[in-house]
Amino acid sequence: MMKAALMAEVAAGITRDLRALIAADGDQVQGWEPIAEGPPDSDRVTRRRAYAPMDGSTPPPPPAGPWGSVALLDVGTTGDLLVITFRWSPTGQVFAHVSNLAEFLDDARLAAGIIQYQLQRLLLSTRWPEPVPALAVGTVTIVTGLA
């Protein structure tokens, strides 16, 4: 069982990590620019860029990763539960991802990594954005960490 003091550390770690993932996926689309035909060189490998077609037309921007369509609203704890609330941009739908921190040992980084992985797996699921084990409460859809 995780100590209460570590729960705040898990929430802070997940907030930091999710903000970085969301910014990175958003930058991949925002920073997109076509480049001339040819292999990428060292200064071009930091961002995903599409090669311009030979006919001179502009290719569509690359799709965002799973985090590029997410706006983080809040990360907080209530009792043993960690609640991550976010808006999924394509529909504007609000989700709350709930994990029970009492199920984790006293390793804040490991707990944060597992919860982040669960959420990413959910976002990449073929069932998204209507996950099967979900509960609608008003305008928020609640999904568990086991989804």
N, C-alpha and C. Protein backbone atom coordinates (compact mmCIF):
# COMPACT_ATOMS: atom_id res chain seq x y z
N MET A 1 0.84 -1.17 0.00
CA MET A 1 0.00 0.00 0.00
C MET A 1 0.89 1.24 0.00
N MET A 2 0.54 2.21 -0.82
CA MET A 2 1.33 3.43 -0.95
C MET A 2 1.03 4.39 0.19
N LYS A 3 2.09 4.99 0.72
CA LYS A 3 1.94 5.99 1.77
C LYS A 3 1.33 7.26 1.19
N ALA A 4 0.57 7.97 2.01
CA ALA A 4 -0.12 9.18 1.56
C ALA A 4 0.84 10.24 1.03
N ALA A 5 2.02 10.37 1.65
CA ALA A 5 2.98 11.38 1.21
C ALA A 5 3.47 11.12 -0.21
N LEU A 6 3.56 9.85 -0.60
CA LEU A 6 4.02 9.52 -1.95
C LEU A 6 2.94 9.75 -3.00
N MET A 7 1.68 9.75 -2.59
CA MET A 7 0.59 9.96 -3.55
C MET A 7 0.71 11.33 -4.22
N ALA A 8 1.05 12.35 -3.45
CA ALA A 8 1.24 13.68 -4.02
C ALA A 8 2.42 13.69 -4.99
N GLU A 9 3.46 12.92 -4.67
CA GLU A 9 4.62 12.82 -5.56
C GLU A 9 4.25 12.13 -6.87
N VAL A 10 3.40 11.11 -6.79
CA VAL A 10 2.92 10.43 -8.00
C VAL A 10 2.13 11.41 -8.86
N ALA A 11 1.22 12.15 -8.23
CA ALA A 11 0.40 13.12 -8.97
C ALA A 11 1.28 14.17 -9.65
N ALA A 12 2.28 14.69 -8.94
CA ALA A 12 3.18 15.69 -9.52
C ALA A 12 3.99 15.10 -10.67
N GLY A 13 4.48 13.87 -10.51
CA GLY A 13 5.26 13.22 -11.56
C GLY A 13 4.43 12.96 -12.81
N ILE A 14 3.21 12.49 -12.61
CA ILE A 14 2.34 12.23 -13.76
C ILE A 14 1.97 13.54 -14.46
N THR A 15 1.69 14.57 -13.69
CA THR A 15 1.37 15.87 -14.30
C THR A 15 2.52 16.34 -15.18
N ARG A 16 3.73 16.28 -14.65
CA ARG A 16 4.91 16.72 -15.41
C ARG A 16 5.09 15.87 -16.67
N ASP A 17 5.00 14.55 -16.53
CA ASP A 17 5.22 13.66 -17.66
C ASP A 17 4.14 13.81 -18.73
N LEU A 18 2.88 13.91 -18.32
CA LEU A 18 1.80 14.05 -19.30
C LEU A 18 1.87 15.38 -20.03
N ARG A 19 2.21 16.44 -19.32
CA ARG A 19 2.37 17.74 -19.99
C ARG A 19 3.48 17.67 -21.04
N ALA A 20 4.57 16.97 -20.72
CA ALA A 20 5.67 16.83 -21.68
C ALA A 20 5.24 16.00 -22.89
N LEU A 21 4.51 14.91 -22.67
CA LEU A 21 4.04 14.08 -23.78
C LEU A 21 3.06 14.84 -24.67
N ILE A 22 2.16 15.58 -24.05
CA ILE A 22 1.18 16.36 -24.82
C ILE A 22 1.88 17.43 -25.64
N ALA A 23 2.84 18.11 -25.03
CA ALA A 23 3.59 19.15 -25.75
C ALA A 23 4.40 18.55 -26.90
N ALA A 24 5.03 17.40 -26.67
CA ALA A 24 5.84 16.77 -27.71
C ALA A 24 4.99 16.34 -28.90
N ASP A 25 3.83 15.71 -28.64
CA ASP A 25 2.97 15.29 -29.74
C ASP A 25 2.37 16.50 -30.46
N GLY A 26 2.04 17.54 -29.71
CA GLY A 26 1.51 18.76 -30.33
C GLY A 26 2.56 19.44 -31.19
N ASP A 27 3.81 19.44 -30.73
CA ASP A 27 4.91 20.04 -31.50
C ASP A 27 5.16 19.31 -32.80
N GLN A 28 4.90 18.01 -32.82
CA GLN A 28 5.13 17.25 -34.05
C GLN A 28 4.23 17.75 -35.17
N VAL A 29 3.03 18.18 -34.83
CA VAL A 29 2.12 18.69 -35.84
C VAL A 29 2.34 20.19 -36.04
N GLN A 30 2.49 20.94 -34.94
CA GLN A 30 2.67 22.38 -35.05
C GLN A 30 3.97 22.73 -35.77
N GLY A 31 5.02 21.96 -35.51
CA GLY A 31 6.32 22.26 -36.10
C GLY A 31 6.53 21.60 -37.45
N TRP A 32 5.46 21.04 -38.01
CA TRP A 32 5.58 20.32 -39.27
C TRP A 32 5.85 21.27 -40.41
N GLU A 33 6.74 20.85 -41.26
CA GLU A 33 7.00 21.58 -42.50
C GLU A 33 7.55 20.60 -43.51
N PRO A 34 7.11 20.71 -44.78
CA PRO A 34 7.63 19.78 -45.78
C PRO A 34 9.09 20.12 -46.08
N ILE A 35 9.86 19.11 -46.39
CA ILE A 35 11.25 19.32 -46.78
C ILE A 35 11.45 18.68 -48.15
N ALA A 36 12.49 19.08 -48.84
CA ALA A 36 12.76 18.56 -50.17
C ALA A 36 13.03 17.06 -50.12
N GLU A 37 12.86 16.40 -51.27
CA GLU A 37 13.13 14.97 -51.36
C GLU A 37 14.57 14.69 -50.93
N GLY A 38 14.77 13.56 -50.31
CA GLY A 38 16.11 13.16 -49.91
C GLY A 38 16.12 12.65 -48.50
N PRO A 39 17.20 12.03 -48.09
CA PRO A 39 17.27 11.48 -46.74
C PRO A 39 17.39 12.59 -45.70
N PRO A 40 16.87 12.34 -44.51
CA PRO A 40 17.00 13.35 -43.45
C PRO A 40 18.45 13.46 -43.00
N ASP A 41 18.87 14.68 -42.68
CA ASP A 41 20.21 14.83 -42.12
C ASP A 41 20.07 15.12 -40.63
N SER A 42 21.19 15.31 -39.96
CA SER A 42 21.19 15.33 -38.50
C SER A 42 20.30 16.42 -37.89
N ASP A 43 20.16 17.57 -38.54
CA ASP A 43 19.34 18.62 -37.94
C ASP A 43 17.85 18.41 -38.19
N ARG A 44 17.49 17.40 -38.96
CA ARG A 44 16.09 17.16 -39.28
C ARG A 44 15.49 16.00 -38.50
N VAL A 45 16.27 15.32 -37.70
CA VAL A 45 15.74 14.14 -37.02
C VAL A 45 15.02 14.46 -35.71
N THR A 46 15.04 15.70 -35.28
CA THR A 46 14.39 16.03 -34.02
C THR A 46 12.89 16.21 -34.16
N ARG A 47 12.39 16.42 -35.37
CA ARG A 47 10.95 16.58 -35.59
C ARG A 47 10.51 15.68 -36.73
N ARG A 48 9.26 15.29 -36.67
CA ARG A 48 8.71 14.47 -37.74
C ARG A 48 8.30 15.41 -38.87
N ARG A 49 8.85 15.21 -40.06
CA ARG A 49 8.53 16.05 -41.20
C ARG A 49 8.23 15.17 -42.40
N ALA A 50 7.30 15.60 -43.18
CA ALA A 50 6.97 14.85 -44.38
C ALA A 50 7.79 15.38 -45.55
N TYR A 51 8.20 14.50 -46.44
CA TYR A 51 8.90 14.94 -47.64
C TYR A 51 7.89 15.51 -48.62
N ALA A 52 8.24 16.63 -49.27
CA ALA A 52 7.35 17.23 -50.26
C ALA A 52 7.30 16.30 -51.47
N PRO A 53 6.11 16.08 -52.02
CA PRO A 53 6.00 15.23 -53.21
C PRO A 53 6.76 15.83 -54.39
N MET A 54 7.18 14.98 -55.30
CA MET A 54 7.94 15.42 -56.47
C MET A 54 7.13 16.38 -57.34
N ASP A 55 5.79 16.27 -57.32
CA ASP A 55 4.97 17.13 -58.18
C ASP A 55 4.81 18.54 -57.61
N GLY A 56 5.40 18.82 -56.46
CA GLY A 56 5.37 20.15 -55.88
C GLY A 56 4.19 20.42 -54.97
N SER A 57 3.26 19.47 -54.86
CA SER A 57 2.12 19.69 -53.97
C SER A 57 2.57 19.56 -52.51
N THR A 58 1.79 20.10 -51.61
CA THR A 58 2.13 20.05 -50.19
C THR A 58 1.48 18.82 -49.56
N PRO A 59 2.28 17.98 -48.90
CA PRO A 59 1.69 16.81 -48.26
C PRO A 59 0.90 17.22 -47.03
N PRO A 60 -0.05 16.39 -46.61
CA PRO A 60 -0.78 16.71 -45.38
C PRO A 60 0.16 16.59 -44.19
N PRO A 61 -0.13 17.32 -43.11
CA PRO A 61 0.73 17.19 -41.92
C PRO A 61 0.61 15.79 -41.35
N PRO A 62 1.66 15.32 -40.70
CA PRO A 62 1.60 13.99 -40.09
C PRO A 62 0.58 13.98 -38.95
N PRO A 63 -0.02 12.84 -38.69
CA PRO A 63 -0.98 12.79 -37.59
C PRO A 63 -0.27 12.94 -36.24
N ALA A 64 -0.97 13.52 -35.31
CA ALA A 64 -0.41 13.65 -33.97
C ALA A 64 -0.38 12.28 -33.32
N GLY A 65 0.52 12.11 -32.37
CA GLY A 65 0.53 10.88 -31.58
C GLY A 65 -0.70 10.87 -30.69
N PRO A 66 -0.84 9.87 -29.85
CA PRO A 66 -2.05 9.77 -29.03
C PRO A 66 -2.25 10.95 -28.09
N TRP A 67 -1.16 11.61 -27.71
CA TRP A 67 -1.28 12.73 -26.77
C TRP A 67 -1.56 14.05 -27.46
N GLY A 68 -1.41 14.11 -28.77
CA GLY A 68 -1.64 15.36 -29.50
C GLY A 68 -3.10 15.80 -29.50
N SER A 69 -4.01 14.88 -29.20
CA SER A 69 -5.45 15.19 -29.18
C SER A 69 -5.98 15.32 -27.76
N VAL A 70 -5.09 15.47 -26.79
CA VAL A 70 -5.49 15.51 -25.39
C VAL A 70 -5.13 16.87 -24.78
N ALA A 71 -6.07 17.44 -24.04
CA ALA A 71 -5.81 18.63 -23.23
C ALA A 71 -5.96 18.22 -21.77
N LEU A 72 -4.87 18.28 -21.03
CA LEU A 72 -4.88 17.90 -19.62
C LEU A 72 -5.61 18.96 -18.82
N LEU A 73 -6.63 18.54 -18.07
CA LEU A 73 -7.41 19.47 -17.27
C LEU A 73 -6.95 19.48 -15.82
N ASP A 74 -6.76 18.27 -15.24
CA ASP A 74 -6.40 18.22 -13.82
C ASP A 74 -5.84 16.84 -13.48
N VAL A 75 -4.93 16.81 -12.54
CA VAL A 75 -4.44 15.57 -11.93
C VAL A 75 -4.50 15.78 -10.43
N GLY A 76 -5.24 14.92 -9.75
CA GLY A 76 -5.38 15.10 -8.31
C GLY A 76 -5.66 13.79 -7.62
N THR A 77 -5.60 13.82 -6.32
CA THR A 77 -5.88 12.63 -5.52
C THR A 77 -7.09 12.90 -4.64
N THR A 78 -7.82 11.82 -4.40
CA THR A 78 -8.91 11.86 -3.43
C THR A 78 -8.89 10.52 -2.73
N GLY A 79 -8.51 10.53 -1.48
CA GLY A 79 -8.30 9.27 -0.76
C GLY A 79 -7.18 8.50 -1.42
N ASP A 80 -7.41 7.24 -1.75
CA ASP A 80 -6.41 6.42 -2.43
C ASP A 80 -6.47 6.53 -3.94
N LEU A 81 -7.40 7.32 -4.47
CA LEU A 81 -7.59 7.40 -5.91
C LEU A 81 -6.82 8.55 -6.53
N LEU A 82 -6.21 8.28 -7.69
CA LEU A 82 -5.59 9.31 -8.51
C LEU A 82 -6.53 9.53 -9.69
N VAL A 83 -6.93 10.78 -9.91
CA VAL A 83 -7.87 11.09 -10.97
C VAL A 83 -7.19 12.03 -11.97
N ILE A 84 -7.11 11.60 -13.22
CA ILE A 84 -6.55 12.41 -14.30
C ILE A 84 -7.72 12.81 -15.19
N THR A 85 -8.01 14.09 -15.25
CA THR A 85 -9.12 14.58 -16.05
C THR A 85 -8.56 15.27 -17.29
N PHE A 86 -9.08 14.89 -18.45
CA PHE A 86 -8.59 15.47 -19.70
C PHE A 86 -9.72 15.58 -20.71
N ARG A 87 -9.51 16.47 -21.68
CA ARG A 87 -10.47 16.66 -22.77
C ARG A 87 -9.86 16.06 -24.03
N TRP A 88 -10.64 15.27 -24.74
CA TRP A 88 -10.21 14.70 -26.01
C TRP A 88 -10.66 15.66 -27.10
N SER A 89 -9.72 16.29 -27.77
CA SER A 89 -9.99 17.40 -28.68
C SER A 89 -10.94 17.09 -29.83
N PRO A 90 -10.83 15.95 -30.51
CA PRO A 90 -11.71 15.76 -31.68
C PRO A 90 -13.20 15.87 -31.36
N THR A 91 -13.62 15.46 -30.16
CA THR A 91 -15.05 15.53 -29.82
C THR A 91 -15.34 16.54 -28.71
N GLY A 92 -14.31 16.98 -28.00
CA GLY A 92 -14.52 17.86 -26.86
C GLY A 92 -15.01 17.12 -25.64
N GLN A 93 -15.03 15.79 -25.72
CA GLN A 93 -15.51 14.96 -24.62
C GLN A 93 -14.50 14.96 -23.47
N VAL A 94 -15.01 15.02 -22.23
CA VAL A 94 -14.16 15.04 -21.05
C VAL A 94 -14.12 13.64 -20.43
N PHE A 95 -12.92 13.18 -20.10
CA PHE A 95 -12.71 11.88 -19.49
C PHE A 95 -12.00 12.03 -18.16
N ALA A 96 -12.27 11.13 -17.26
CA ALA A 96 -11.54 11.04 -15.99
C ALA A 96 -10.97 9.63 -15.92
N HIS A 97 -9.66 9.52 -15.88
CA HIS A 97 -8.97 8.23 -15.76
C HIS A 97 -8.67 8.04 -14.29
N VAL A 98 -9.19 6.97 -13.69
CA VAL A 98 -9.09 6.76 -12.25
C VAL A 98 -8.22 5.54 -11.96
N SER A 99 -7.23 5.71 -11.08
CA SER A 99 -6.37 4.62 -10.65
C SER A 99 -6.35 4.57 -9.13
N ASN A 100 -6.32 3.37 -8.58
CA ASN A 100 -6.27 3.18 -7.13
C ASN A 100 -4.80 3.08 -6.72
N LEU A 101 -4.28 4.10 -6.06
CA LEU A 101 -2.87 4.13 -5.65
C LEU A 101 -2.58 3.13 -4.54
N ALA A 102 -3.60 2.66 -3.84
CA ALA A 102 -3.38 1.68 -2.78
C ALA A 102 -2.87 0.36 -3.35
N GLU A 103 -3.06 0.14 -4.65
CA GLU A 103 -2.61 -1.09 -5.29
C GLU A 103 -1.10 -1.08 -5.59
N PHE A 104 -0.46 0.08 -5.46
CA PHE A 104 0.95 0.21 -5.79
C PHE A 104 1.82 0.21 -4.53
N LEU A 105 3.03 -0.28 -4.67
CA LEU A 105 3.99 -0.21 -3.58
C LEU A 105 4.53 1.21 -3.49
N ASP A 106 5.38 1.47 -2.53
CA ASP A 106 5.90 2.82 -2.31
C ASP A 106 7.01 3.19 -3.28
N ASP A 107 6.73 3.14 -4.57
CA ASP A 107 7.67 3.55 -5.60
C ASP A 107 6.92 4.52 -6.51
N ALA A 108 7.08 5.81 -6.25
CA ALA A 108 6.31 6.83 -6.95
C ALA A 108 6.58 6.83 -8.45
N ARG A 109 7.85 6.70 -8.86
CA ARG A 109 8.18 6.74 -10.30
C ARG A 109 7.58 5.52 -11.02
N LEU A 110 7.65 4.36 -10.41
CA LEU A 110 7.09 3.16 -11.02
C LEU A 110 5.57 3.28 -11.14
N ALA A 111 4.92 3.76 -10.10
CA ALA A 111 3.46 3.94 -10.14
C ALA A 111 3.08 4.93 -11.23
N ALA A 112 3.81 6.05 -11.32
CA ALA A 112 3.52 7.05 -12.35
C ALA A 112 3.70 6.46 -13.74
N GLY A 113 4.75 5.68 -13.93
CA GLY A 113 5.01 5.06 -15.23
C GLY A 113 3.92 4.07 -15.62
N ILE A 114 3.48 3.27 -14.67
CA ILE A 114 2.42 2.28 -14.95
C ILE A 114 1.11 2.98 -15.30
N ILE A 115 0.75 4.00 -14.55
CA ILE A 115 -0.50 4.72 -14.80
C ILE A 115 -0.43 5.43 -16.15
N GLN A 116 0.70 6.03 -16.46
CA GLN A 116 0.89 6.69 -17.75
C GLN A 116 0.75 5.66 -18.88
N TYR A 117 1.34 4.48 -18.71
CA TYR A 117 1.23 3.41 -19.71
C TYR A 117 -0.22 2.97 -19.88
N GLN A 118 -0.97 2.83 -18.79
CA GLN A 118 -2.37 2.45 -18.88
C GLN A 118 -3.17 3.47 -19.68
N LEU A 119 -2.91 4.74 -19.43
CA LEU A 119 -3.63 5.79 -20.13
C LEU A 119 -3.25 5.81 -21.62
N GLN A 120 -1.97 5.65 -21.91
CA GLN A 120 -1.54 5.63 -23.31
C GLN A 120 -2.13 4.42 -24.04
N ARG A 121 -2.18 3.27 -23.38
CA ARG A 121 -2.77 2.08 -23.97
C ARG A 121 -4.25 2.32 -24.28
N LEU A 122 -4.93 3.01 -23.39
CA LEU A 122 -6.33 3.35 -23.61
C LEU A 122 -6.47 4.27 -24.83
N LEU A 123 -5.63 5.30 -24.92
CA LEU A 123 -5.71 6.25 -26.04
C LEU A 123 -5.43 5.57 -27.38
N LEU A 124 -4.58 4.55 -27.39
CA LEU A 124 -4.23 3.85 -28.62
C LEU A 124 -5.18 2.69 -28.93
N SER A 125 -6.12 2.43 -28.05
CA SER A 125 -7.04 1.31 -28.20
C SER A 125 -7.99 1.52 -29.37
N THR A 126 -8.38 0.43 -30.00
CA THR A 126 -9.36 0.51 -31.08
C THR A 126 -10.74 0.85 -30.53
N ARG A 127 -10.93 0.72 -29.22
CA ARG A 127 -12.20 1.05 -28.59
C ARG A 127 -12.33 2.53 -28.26
N TRP A 128 -11.21 3.25 -28.32
CA TRP A 128 -11.22 4.66 -27.97
C TRP A 128 -11.99 5.40 -29.05
N PRO A 129 -12.82 6.42 -28.77
CA PRO A 129 -12.99 7.12 -27.51
C PRO A 129 -14.16 6.62 -26.67
N GLU A 130 -14.70 5.46 -26.99
CA GLU A 130 -15.80 4.91 -26.20
C GLU A 130 -15.35 3.60 -25.55
N PRO A 131 -14.47 3.67 -24.55
CA PRO A 131 -13.96 2.45 -23.93
C PRO A 131 -15.08 1.63 -23.30
N VAL A 132 -14.94 0.33 -23.37
CA VAL A 132 -15.99 -0.56 -22.86
C VAL A 132 -16.24 -0.38 -21.37
N PRO A 133 -15.22 -0.49 -20.49
CA PRO A 133 -15.50 -0.31 -19.06
C PRO A 133 -15.51 1.17 -18.68
N ALA A 134 -16.51 1.90 -19.14
CA ALA A 134 -16.58 3.33 -18.85
C ALA A 134 -17.94 3.65 -18.23
N LEU A 135 -17.95 4.68 -17.43
CA LEU A 135 -19.17 5.10 -16.75
C LEU A 135 -19.36 6.59 -16.99
N ALA A 136 -20.49 6.98 -17.56
CA ALA A 136 -20.78 8.39 -17.80
C ALA A 136 -21.40 8.98 -16.55
N VAL A 137 -20.80 10.07 -16.06
CA VAL A 137 -21.33 10.81 -14.92
C VAL A 137 -21.47 12.24 -15.36
N GLY A 138 -22.68 12.64 -15.70
CA GLY A 138 -22.90 13.97 -16.25
C GLY A 138 -22.19 14.10 -17.58
N THR A 139 -21.31 15.08 -17.70
CA THR A 139 -20.58 15.30 -18.95
C THR A 139 -19.20 14.68 -18.94
N VAL A 140 -18.87 13.90 -17.91
CA VAL A 140 -17.54 13.28 -17.79
C VAL A 140 -17.69 11.77 -17.93
N THR A 141 -16.83 11.17 -18.74
CA THR A 141 -16.79 9.70 -18.86
C THR A 141 -15.65 9.20 -17.99
N ILE A 142 -15.94 8.33 -17.06
CA ILE A 142 -14.92 7.82 -16.14
C ILE A 142 -14.44 6.46 -16.63
N VAL A 143 -13.12 6.32 -16.75
CA VAL A 143 -12.51 5.05 -17.11
C VAL A 143 -11.55 4.65 -16.01
N THR A 144 -11.41 3.35 -15.78
CA THR A 144 -10.51 2.91 -14.71
C THR A 144 -9.12 2.71 -15.26
N GLY A 145 -8.16 2.60 -14.36
CA GLY A 145 -6.78 2.33 -14.74
C GLY A 145 -6.61 0.99 -15.40
N LEU A 146 -7.60 0.12 -15.28
CA LEU A 146 -7.51 -1.21 -15.87
C LEU A 146 -8.13 -1.27 -17.25
N ALA A 147 -8.60 -0.15 -17.78
CA ALA A 147 -9.26 -0.15 -19.09
C ALA A 147 -8.30 -0.50 -20.20
